[in-house]
Amino acid sequence: MRKQKAVHQMRSMSCKEICDIMENRFKVTTIYKHICILEKHGYVEKGAKIERAYGYILTKKALDILPEKDEEEEKNNE
């Protein structure tokens, strides 16, 4: 979600969009289950509605603990 800059209401991502980015390694229901857990702990919150589903965005709390750059990005920059 950080790579997709899902930190504002209009950039929110649905579970289906997250599933697509993850190359369908997980089912949408599994992603939803984990999003709910993250939401309870304050790392994710509901954003704009996307079709019939809610979009989700990262909170400031989540951004503080996530690394600025991903390991893949660092390898690509070298």
N, C-alpha and C. Protein backbone atom coordinates (compact mmCIF):
# COMPACT_ATOMS: atom_id res chain seq x y z
N MET A 1 0.83 -1.19 0.00
CA MET A 1 0.00 0.00 0.00
C MET A 1 0.87 1.25 0.00
N ARG A 2 2.02 1.17 0.65
CA ARG A 2 2.91 2.33 0.67
C ARG A 2 3.43 2.63 -0.73
N LYS A 3 3.78 1.58 -1.49
CA LYS A 3 4.27 1.79 -2.86
C LYS A 3 3.22 2.48 -3.72
N GLN A 4 1.96 2.18 -3.48
CA GLN A 4 0.87 2.76 -4.26
C GLN A 4 0.43 4.11 -3.69
N LYS A 5 1.11 4.57 -2.64
CA LYS A 5 0.84 5.86 -1.98
C LYS A 5 -0.60 5.95 -1.47
N ALA A 6 -1.06 4.87 -0.88
CA ALA A 6 -2.43 4.83 -0.33
C ALA A 6 -2.44 5.45 1.07
N VAL A 7 -2.23 6.77 1.10
CA VAL A 7 -2.20 7.48 2.37
C VAL A 7 -3.24 8.60 2.42
N HIS A 8 -3.96 8.84 1.33
CA HIS A 8 -5.01 9.85 1.27
C HIS A 8 -6.32 9.18 0.87
N GLN A 9 -7.43 9.82 1.21
CA GLN A 9 -8.76 9.28 0.93
C GLN A 9 -8.92 8.90 -0.55
N MET A 10 -8.45 9.75 -1.43
CA MET A 10 -8.66 9.51 -2.86
C MET A 10 -7.68 8.48 -3.44
N ARG A 11 -6.70 8.06 -2.67
CA ARG A 11 -5.75 7.05 -3.11
C ARG A 11 -6.01 5.71 -2.44
N SER A 12 -7.13 5.59 -1.75
CA SER A 12 -7.42 4.36 -1.00
C SER A 12 -7.50 3.16 -1.94
N MET A 13 -7.21 1.99 -1.40
CA MET A 13 -7.19 0.76 -2.19
C MET A 13 -8.16 -0.25 -1.60
N SER A 14 -8.90 -0.91 -2.46
CA SER A 14 -9.80 -1.96 -2.02
C SER A 14 -9.01 -3.25 -1.81
N CYS A 15 -9.63 -4.20 -1.15
CA CYS A 15 -8.97 -5.51 -0.95
C CYS A 15 -8.68 -6.18 -2.28
N LYS A 16 -9.55 -5.99 -3.25
CA LYS A 16 -9.34 -6.57 -4.58
C LYS A 16 -8.12 -5.96 -5.26
N GLU A 17 -7.95 -4.65 -5.13
CA GLU A 17 -6.78 -3.99 -5.72
C GLU A 17 -5.49 -4.47 -5.06
N ILE A 18 -5.53 -4.65 -3.75
CA ILE A 18 -4.37 -5.17 -3.03
C ILE A 18 -4.07 -6.59 -3.50
N CYS A 19 -5.12 -7.38 -3.67
CA CYS A 19 -4.97 -8.75 -4.15
C CYS A 19 -4.31 -8.77 -5.53
N ASP A 20 -4.73 -7.88 -6.41
CA ASP A 20 -4.16 -7.81 -7.76
C ASP A 20 -2.68 -7.43 -7.72
N ILE A 21 -2.32 -6.50 -6.86
CA ILE A 21 -0.93 -6.08 -6.73
C ILE A 21 -0.07 -7.22 -6.17
N MET A 22 -0.66 -8.00 -5.28
CA MET A 22 0.05 -9.13 -4.68
C MET A 22 0.09 -10.33 -5.64
N GLU A 23 -0.35 -10.12 -6.87
CA GLU A 23 -0.36 -11.14 -7.91
C GLU A 23 -1.18 -12.36 -7.49
N ASN A 24 -2.28 -12.11 -6.82
CA ASN A 24 -3.24 -13.14 -6.39
C ASN A 24 -2.62 -14.25 -5.55
N ARG A 25 -1.60 -13.90 -4.76
CA ARG A 25 -1.00 -14.89 -3.86
C ARG A 25 -1.93 -15.20 -2.69
N PHE A 26 -2.83 -14.26 -2.39
CA PHE A 26 -3.79 -14.43 -1.30
C PHE A 26 -5.19 -14.16 -1.83
N LYS A 27 -6.18 -14.76 -1.20
CA LYS A 27 -7.56 -14.50 -1.57
C LYS A 27 -7.99 -13.15 -1.00
N VAL A 28 -8.99 -12.56 -1.63
CA VAL A 28 -9.52 -11.28 -1.18
C VAL A 28 -10.02 -11.39 0.26
N THR A 29 -10.64 -12.50 0.61
CA THR A 29 -11.16 -12.68 1.97
C THR A 29 -10.04 -12.72 3.00
N THR A 30 -8.91 -13.29 2.64
CA THR A 30 -7.76 -13.33 3.55
C THR A 30 -7.21 -11.92 3.75
N ILE A 31 -7.11 -11.16 2.67
CA ILE A 31 -6.63 -9.79 2.77
C ILE A 31 -7.58 -8.97 3.63
N TYR A 32 -8.89 -9.14 3.43
CA TYR A 32 -9.88 -8.42 4.22
C TYR A 32 -9.73 -8.74 5.71
N LYS A 33 -9.52 -10.01 6.02
CA LYS A 33 -9.36 -10.43 7.42
C LYS A 33 -8.17 -9.71 8.06
N HIS A 34 -7.08 -9.63 7.34
CA HIS A 34 -5.88 -8.99 7.88
C HIS A 34 -6.02 -7.46 7.92
N ILE A 35 -6.74 -6.90 6.96
CA ILE A 35 -7.02 -5.45 6.98
C ILE A 35 -7.83 -5.11 8.23
N CYS A 36 -8.80 -5.95 8.57
CA CYS A 36 -9.61 -5.71 9.78
C CYS A 36 -8.74 -5.73 11.03
N ILE A 37 -7.79 -6.63 11.09
CA ILE A 37 -6.88 -6.70 12.24
C ILE A 37 -6.03 -5.43 12.31
N LEU A 38 -5.50 -5.02 11.16
CA LEU A 38 -4.69 -3.80 11.12
C LEU A 38 -5.52 -2.57 11.49
N GLU A 39 -6.79 -2.58 11.09
CA GLU A 39 -7.68 -1.46 11.41
C GLU A 39 -7.92 -1.39 12.92
N LYS A 40 -8.09 -2.52 13.57
CA LYS A 40 -8.30 -2.55 15.02
C LYS A 40 -7.09 -1.98 15.77
N HIS A 41 -5.90 -2.19 15.22
CA HIS A 41 -4.67 -1.72 15.86
C HIS A 41 -4.29 -0.30 15.43
N GLY A 42 -5.07 0.28 14.52
CA GLY A 42 -4.84 1.67 14.14
C GLY A 42 -3.83 1.88 13.03
N TYR A 43 -3.50 0.86 12.27
CA TYR A 43 -2.53 1.00 11.19
C TYR A 43 -3.20 1.30 9.84
N VAL A 44 -4.47 0.99 9.73
CA VAL A 44 -5.22 1.18 8.49
C VAL A 44 -6.58 1.77 8.87
N GLU A 45 -7.10 2.62 7.98
CA GLU A 45 -8.46 3.12 8.20
C GLU A 45 -9.21 3.15 6.87
N LYS A 46 -10.52 3.19 6.99
CA LYS A 46 -11.35 3.20 5.77
C LYS A 46 -11.18 4.51 5.05
N GLY A 47 -11.10 4.41 3.73
CA GLY A 47 -10.98 5.58 2.87
C GLY A 47 -12.25 5.74 2.05
N ALA A 48 -12.09 6.14 0.82
CA ALA A 48 -13.22 6.34 -0.08
C ALA A 48 -13.82 5.00 -0.48
N LYS A 49 -15.09 5.03 -0.83
CA LYS A 49 -15.75 3.82 -1.33
C LYS A 49 -15.31 3.57 -2.76
N ILE A 50 -15.02 2.33 -3.06
CA ILE A 50 -14.64 1.93 -4.42
C ILE A 50 -15.67 0.92 -4.87
N GLU A 51 -16.50 1.33 -5.82
CA GLU A 51 -17.65 0.54 -6.25
C GLU A 51 -18.50 0.20 -5.03
N ARG A 52 -18.62 -1.07 -4.67
CA ARG A 52 -19.43 -1.45 -3.51
C ARG A 52 -18.56 -1.71 -2.27
N ALA A 53 -17.27 -1.63 -2.42
CA ALA A 53 -16.35 -1.96 -1.32
C ALA A 53 -15.70 -0.69 -0.77
N TYR A 54 -15.21 -0.78 0.45
CA TYR A 54 -14.44 0.32 1.01
C TYR A 54 -13.00 0.24 0.53
N GLY A 55 -12.40 1.39 0.39
CA GLY A 55 -10.98 1.46 0.17
C GLY A 55 -10.31 1.66 1.52
N TYR A 56 -9.06 1.34 1.61
CA TYR A 56 -8.33 1.48 2.87
C TYR A 56 -7.06 2.28 2.63
N ILE A 57 -6.67 3.05 3.65
CA ILE A 57 -5.46 3.85 3.58
C ILE A 57 -4.61 3.58 4.81
N LEU A 58 -3.32 3.83 4.68
CA LEU A 58 -2.40 3.69 5.80
C LEU A 58 -2.50 4.92 6.70
N THR A 59 -2.42 4.71 7.99
CA THR A 59 -2.46 5.82 8.93
C THR A 59 -1.03 6.31 9.20
N LYS A 60 -0.93 7.42 9.91
CA LYS A 60 0.38 7.96 10.29
C LYS A 60 1.14 6.95 11.13
N LYS A 61 0.42 6.23 12.00
CA LYS A 61 1.04 5.21 12.85
C LYS A 61 1.73 4.14 12.00
N ALA A 62 1.07 3.72 10.91
CA ALA A 62 1.65 2.70 10.02
C ALA A 62 2.84 3.26 9.25
N LEU A 63 2.73 4.50 8.80
CA LEU A 63 3.82 5.11 8.04
C LEU A 63 5.07 5.28 8.89
N ASP A 64 4.87 5.50 10.20
CA ASP A 64 6.02 5.67 11.10
C ASP A 64 6.82 4.39 11.27
N ILE A 65 6.16 3.23 11.21
CA ILE A 65 6.88 1.97 11.43
C ILE A 65 7.37 1.31 10.14
N LEU A 66 6.80 1.69 9.00
CA LEU A 66 7.22 1.11 7.72
C LEU A 66 8.50 1.77 7.23
N PRO A 67 9.38 1.00 6.59
CA PRO A 67 10.60 1.61 6.04
C PRO A 67 10.25 2.54 4.88
N GLU A 68 11.10 3.55 4.70
CA GLU A 68 10.88 4.51 3.61
C GLU A 68 10.96 3.83 2.25
N LYS A 69 11.97 2.98 2.08
CA LYS A 69 12.16 2.28 0.81
C LYS A 69 12.09 0.79 1.04
N ASP A 70 11.53 0.11 0.08
CA ASP A 70 11.43 -1.34 0.11
C ASP A 70 12.76 -1.95 -0.32
N GLU A 71 13.03 -3.17 0.09
CA GLU A 71 14.27 -3.86 -0.28
C GLU A 71 14.39 -3.98 -1.80
N GLU A 72 13.26 -4.22 -2.49
CA GLU A 72 13.27 -4.34 -3.95
C GLU A 72 13.68 -3.02 -4.59
N GLU A 73 13.18 -1.90 -4.05
CA GLU A 73 13.52 -0.58 -4.59
C GLU A 73 15.00 -0.30 -4.41
N GLU A 74 15.55 -0.70 -3.27
CA GLU A 74 16.96 -0.48 -3.01
C GLU A 74 17.83 -1.27 -3.99
N LYS A 75 17.42 -2.53 -4.27
CA LYS A 75 18.17 -3.34 -5.23
C LYS A 75 18.11 -2.75 -6.63
N ASN A 76 16.95 -2.20 -6.99
CA ASN A 76 16.80 -1.59 -8.32
C ASN A 76 17.62 -0.32 -8.46
N ASN A 77 17.83 0.40 -7.36
CA ASN A 77 18.59 1.64 -7.40
C ASN A 77 20.09 1.41 -7.45
N GLU A 78 20.54 0.22 -7.10
CA GLU A 78 21.98 -0.06 -7.09
C GLU A 78 22.53 -0.37 -8.44
